[in-house]
């Protein structure tokens, strides 16, 4: 399921060049992922089964600049499932123009409480329908 998060670009998101700084986009994407987890009621249940997911890789393709006052619509969804994790796609659209500001793919891996890799098992799939429905690529 795609989750949509809307955020307004504030002055503290802007760099010397007058557009959202690349480092700020990483924070905005993270906020949208947290909202995805909250809206899908996944935070508590995932931790209850002893799984922690952490970002292992982030790939961003910047398309168009966004400026103060722009409303950013961040679309977040599971793209595919891995043996130990998943890939999540995120697209940031500038509401006023419909232009795509950026597209990102975030690779998350599951670890246990000791930081060791954890396979995706039936416990995780049972509480995360989007992950259960995702194409398994490895």
C-alpha atoms as a PDB file:
ATOM      1  CA  UNK A   1       0.000   0.000   0.000  1.00  0.00           C
ATOM      2  CA  UNK A   2       1.282   3.423  -0.925  1.00  0.00           C
ATOM      3  CA  UNK A   3       1.349   5.913   1.936  1.00  0.00           C
ATOM      4  CA  UNK A   4       1.262   9.618   1.143  1.00  0.00           C
ATOM      5  CA  UNK A   5       2.874  12.179   3.435  1.00  0.00           C
ATOM      6  CA  UNK A   6       2.578  15.905   2.804  1.00  0.00           C
ATOM      7  CA  UNK A   7       5.194  18.287   4.139  1.00  0.00           C
ATOM      8  CA  UNK A   8       5.691  22.011   3.577  1.00  0.00           C
ATOM      9  CA  UNK A   9       9.160  23.275   2.693  1.00  0.00           C
ATOM     10  CA  UNK A  10      10.311  25.639   5.442  1.00  0.00           C
ATOM     11  CA  UNK A  11      13.170  28.131   5.454  1.00  0.00           C
ATOM     12  CA  UNK A  12      15.422  25.792   7.444  1.00  0.00           C
ATOM     13  CA  UNK A  13      15.185  23.222   4.620  1.00  0.00           C
ATOM     14  CA  UNK A  14      16.731  25.688   2.176  1.00  0.00           C
ATOM     15  CA  UNK A  15      20.419  26.086   1.383  1.00  0.00           C
ATOM     16  CA  UNK A  16      22.474  29.007   0.065  1.00  0.00           C
ATOM     17  CA  UNK A  17      21.198  28.349  -3.473  1.00  0.00           C
ATOM     18  CA  UNK A  18      17.529  28.795  -2.498  1.00  0.00           C
ATOM     19  CA  UNK A  19      16.346  25.213  -2.839  1.00  0.00           C
ATOM     20  CA  UNK A  20      15.946  22.238  -0.511  1.00  0.00           C
ATOM     21  CA  UNK A  21      19.374  20.957   0.467  1.00  0.00           C
ATOM     22  CA  UNK A  22      20.159  17.330  -0.394  1.00  0.00           C
ATOM     23  CA  UNK A  23      20.812  16.475   3.272  1.00  0.00           C
ATOM     24  CA  UNK A  24      17.389  17.844   4.238  1.00  0.00           C
ATOM     25  CA  UNK A  25      15.752  15.573   1.667  1.00  0.00           C
ATOM     26  CA  UNK A  26      17.219  12.571   3.499  1.00  0.00           C
ATOM     27  CA  UNK A  27      15.465  13.777   6.661  1.00  0.00           C
ATOM     28  CA  UNK A  28      12.179  14.410   4.830  1.00  0.00           C
ATOM     29  CA  UNK A  29      12.302  10.920   3.331  1.00  0.00           C
ATOM     30  CA  UNK A  30      12.916   9.452   6.774  1.00  0.00           C
ATOM     31  CA  UNK A  31       9.932  11.326   8.205  1.00  0.00           C
ATOM     32  CA  UNK A  32       7.756   9.880   5.442  1.00  0.00           C
ATOM     33  CA  UNK A  33       9.014   6.350   6.206  1.00  0.00           C
ATOM     34  CA  UNK A  34       8.154   6.830   9.888  1.00  0.00           C
ATOM     35  CA  UNK A  35       4.670   7.963   8.874  1.00  0.00           C
ATOM     36  CA  UNK A  36       4.356   4.873   6.649  1.00  0.00           C
ATOM     37  CA  UNK A  37       5.169   2.672   9.658  1.00  0.00           C
ATOM     38  CA  UNK A  38       2.774   4.569  11.932  1.00  0.00           C
ATOM     39  CA  UNK A  39      -0.113   4.670   9.437  1.00  0.00           C
ATOM     40  CA  UNK A  40       0.239   0.922   8.859  1.00  0.00           C
ATOM     41  CA  UNK A  41       0.550   0.164  12.608  1.00  0.00           C
ATOM     42  CA  UNK A  42       3.909  -1.588  12.209  1.00  0.00           C
ATOM     43  CA  UNK A  43       6.189  -0.037  14.824  1.00  0.00           C
ATOM     44  CA  UNK A  44       5.080  -2.001  17.881  1.00  0.00           C
ATOM     45  CA  UNK A  45       4.313  -5.331  16.213  1.00  0.00           C
ATOM     46  CA  UNK A  46       7.660  -5.509  14.389  1.00  0.00           C
ATOM     47  CA  UNK A  47       9.587  -4.946  17.606  1.00  0.00           C
ATOM     48  CA  UNK A  48       7.385  -7.451  19.457  1.00  0.00           C
ATOM     49  CA  UNK A  49       8.622 -10.228  17.143  1.00  0.00           C
ATOM     50  CA  UNK A  50      12.226  -9.197  17.809  1.00  0.00           C
ATOM     51  CA  UNK A  51      12.908  -7.596  14.439  1.00  0.00           C
ATOM     52  CA  UNK A  52      14.624  -4.282  13.870  1.00  0.00           C
ATOM     53  CA  UNK A  53      15.021  -2.855  10.388  1.00  0.00           C
ATOM     54  CA  UNK A  54      17.796  -0.459   9.563  1.00  0.00           C
ATOM     55  CA  UNK A  55      18.743   1.465   6.444  1.00  0.00           C
ATOM     56  CA  UNK A  56      21.562  -0.268   4.588  1.00  0.00           C
ATOM     57  CA  UNK A  57      21.576   1.788   1.378  1.00  0.00           C
ATOM     58  CA  UNK A  58      19.949   4.875  -0.075  1.00  0.00           C
ATOM     59  CA  UNK A  59      19.861   5.849  -3.731  1.00  0.00           C
ATOM     60  CA  UNK A  60      18.427   9.228  -4.721  1.00  0.00           C
ATOM     61  CA  UNK A  61      17.830  10.692  -8.167  1.00  0.00           C
ATOM     62  CA  UNK A  62      17.218  14.433  -7.956  1.00  0.00           C
ATOM     63  CA  UNK A  63      14.895  15.750 -10.682  1.00  0.00           C
ATOM     64  CA  UNK A  64      13.619  19.262  -9.886  1.00  0.00           C
ATOM     65  CA  UNK A  65      14.353  21.796  -7.136  1.00  0.00           C
ATOM     66  CA  UNK A  66      11.793  22.669  -4.494  1.00  0.00           C
ATOM     67  CA  UNK A  67      11.594  26.002  -2.697  1.00  0.00           C
ATOM     68  CA  UNK A  68      10.141  27.626   0.414  1.00  0.00           C
ATOM     69  CA  UNK A  69       6.383  27.161   0.582  1.00  0.00           C
ATOM     70  CA  UNK A  70       6.237  24.192  -1.772  1.00  0.00           C
ATOM     71  CA  UNK A  71       4.020  21.368  -0.576  1.00  0.00           C
ATOM     72  CA  UNK A  72       5.849  18.090  -1.048  1.00  0.00           C
ATOM     73  CA  UNK A  73       3.813  14.926  -1.515  1.00  0.00           C
ATOM     74  CA  UNK A  74       6.003  11.979  -0.558  1.00  0.00           C
ATOM     75  CA  UNK A  75       4.748   8.628  -1.814  1.00  0.00           C
ATOM     76  CA  UNK A  76       6.238   5.695   0.084  1.00  0.00           C
ATOM     77  CA  UNK A  77       5.743   2.006  -0.663  1.00  0.00           C
ATOM     78  CA  UNK A  78       7.414  -1.386  -0.540  1.00  0.00           C
ATOM     79  CA  UNK A  79       9.088  -2.142  -3.850  1.00  0.00           C
ATOM     80  CA  UNK A  80      10.454  -5.668  -3.292  1.00  0.00           C
ATOM     81  CA  UNK A  81      11.421  -8.179  -0.632  1.00  0.00           C
ATOM     82  CA  UNK A  82      14.893  -9.582   0.010  1.00  0.00           C
ATOM     83  CA  UNK A  83      15.933 -12.535   2.185  1.00  0.00           C
ATOM     84  CA  UNK A  84      16.929 -10.261   5.058  1.00  0.00           C
ATOM     85  CA  UNK A  85      15.123  -7.059   4.181  1.00  0.00           C
ATOM     86  CA  UNK A  86      13.281  -5.024   1.610  1.00  0.00           C
ATOM     87  CA  UNK A  87      13.513  -2.157  -0.837  1.00  0.00           C
ATOM     88  CA  UNK A  88      11.194   0.771  -0.390  1.00  0.00           C
ATOM     89  CA  UNK A  89      10.548   3.335  -3.112  1.00  0.00           C
ATOM     90  CA  UNK A  90       9.849   6.961  -2.391  1.00  0.00           C
ATOM     91  CA  UNK A  91       8.817   9.668  -4.802  1.00  0.00           C
ATOM     92  CA  UNK A  92       8.628  13.358  -3.892  1.00  0.00           C
ATOM     93  CA  UNK A  93       6.198  15.393  -5.981  1.00  0.00           C
ATOM     94  CA  UNK A  94       5.844  19.164  -5.779  1.00  0.00           C
ATOM     95  CA  UNK A  95       2.081  19.570  -5.350  1.00  0.00           C
ATOM     96  CA  UNK A  96       1.790  22.995  -6.964  1.00  0.00           C
ATOM     97  CA  UNK A  97       3.432  21.998 -10.249  1.00  0.00           C
ATOM     98  CA  UNK A  98       3.179  18.205 -10.284  1.00  0.00           C
ATOM     99  CA  UNK A  99       6.924  18.058 -10.957  1.00  0.00           C
ATOM    100  CA  UNK A 100       8.873  15.185  -9.472  1.00  0.00           C
ATOM    101  CA  UNK A 101      11.498  16.585  -7.105  1.00  0.00           C
ATOM    102  CA  UNK A 102      13.219  13.265  -6.561  1.00  0.00           C
ATOM    103  CA  UNK A 103      12.919   9.495  -6.621  1.00  0.00           C
ATOM    104  CA  UNK A 104      14.610   7.302  -4.039  1.00  0.00           C
ATOM    105  CA  UNK A 105      15.096   3.632  -3.277  1.00  0.00           C
ATOM    106  CA  UNK A 106      15.876   2.723   0.316  1.00  0.00           C
ATOM    107  CA  UNK A 107      17.224  -0.726   1.165  1.00  0.00           C
ATOM    108  CA  UNK A 108      16.435  -1.850   4.711  1.00  0.00           C
ATOM    109  CA  UNK A 109      17.729  -4.999   6.380  1.00  0.00           C
ATOM    110  CA  UNK A 110      16.332  -6.793   9.398  1.00  0.00           C
ATOM    111  CA  UNK A 111      18.567  -7.485  12.367  1.00  0.00           C
ATOM    112  CA  UNK A 112      17.929  -9.044  15.746  1.00  0.00           C
ATOM    113  CA  UNK A 113      18.527  -7.368  19.098  1.00  0.00           C
ATOM    114  CA  UNK A 114      22.249  -8.131  18.843  1.00  0.00           C
ATOM    115  CA  UNK A 115      22.615  -6.580  15.406  1.00  0.00           C
ATOM    116  CA  UNK A 116      22.879  -9.901  13.556  1.00  0.00           C
ATOM    117  CA  UNK A 117      21.061 -10.358  10.234  1.00  0.00           C
ATOM    118  CA  UNK A 118      17.583 -11.793  10.555  1.00  0.00           C
ATOM    119  CA  UNK A 119      15.677 -13.624   7.856  1.00  0.00           C
ATOM    120  CA  UNK A 120      12.191 -12.465   7.001  1.00  0.00           C
ATOM    121  CA  UNK A 121      10.001 -15.156   8.534  1.00  0.00           C
ATOM    122  CA  UNK A 122       6.283 -15.862   8.906  1.00  0.00           C
ATOM    123  CA  UNK A 123       6.147 -13.696  12.051  1.00  0.00           C
ATOM    124  CA  UNK A 124       7.255 -10.623  10.118  1.00  0.00           C
ATOM    125  CA  UNK A 125       5.159 -11.431   7.056  1.00  0.00           C
ATOM    126  CA  UNK A 126       2.106 -12.013   9.255  1.00  0.00           C
ATOM    127  CA  UNK A 127       2.104  -8.465  10.564  1.00  0.00           C
ATOM    128  CA  UNK A 128       3.359  -6.661   7.441  1.00  0.00           C
ATOM    129  CA  UNK A 129       0.938  -7.362   4.551  1.00  0.00           C
ATOM    130  CA  UNK A 130       2.748  -5.092   2.063  1.00  0.00           C
ATOM    131  CA  UNK A 131       5.955  -7.000   2.673  1.00  0.00           C
ATOM    132  CA  UNK A 132       4.166 -10.349   2.365  1.00  0.00           C
ATOM    133  CA  UNK A 133       2.675  -9.256  -0.986  1.00  0.00           C
ATOM    134  CA  UNK A 134       5.953  -7.857  -2.375  1.00  0.00           C
ATOM    135  CA  UNK A 135       7.853  -9.700  -5.060  1.00  0.00           C
ATOM    136  CA  UNK A 136      10.678 -11.697  -3.514  1.00  0.00           C
ATOM    137  CA  UNK A 137      13.802 -10.878  -5.537  1.00  0.00           C
ATOM    138  CA  UNK A 138      16.398 -12.877  -3.586  1.00  0.00           C
END
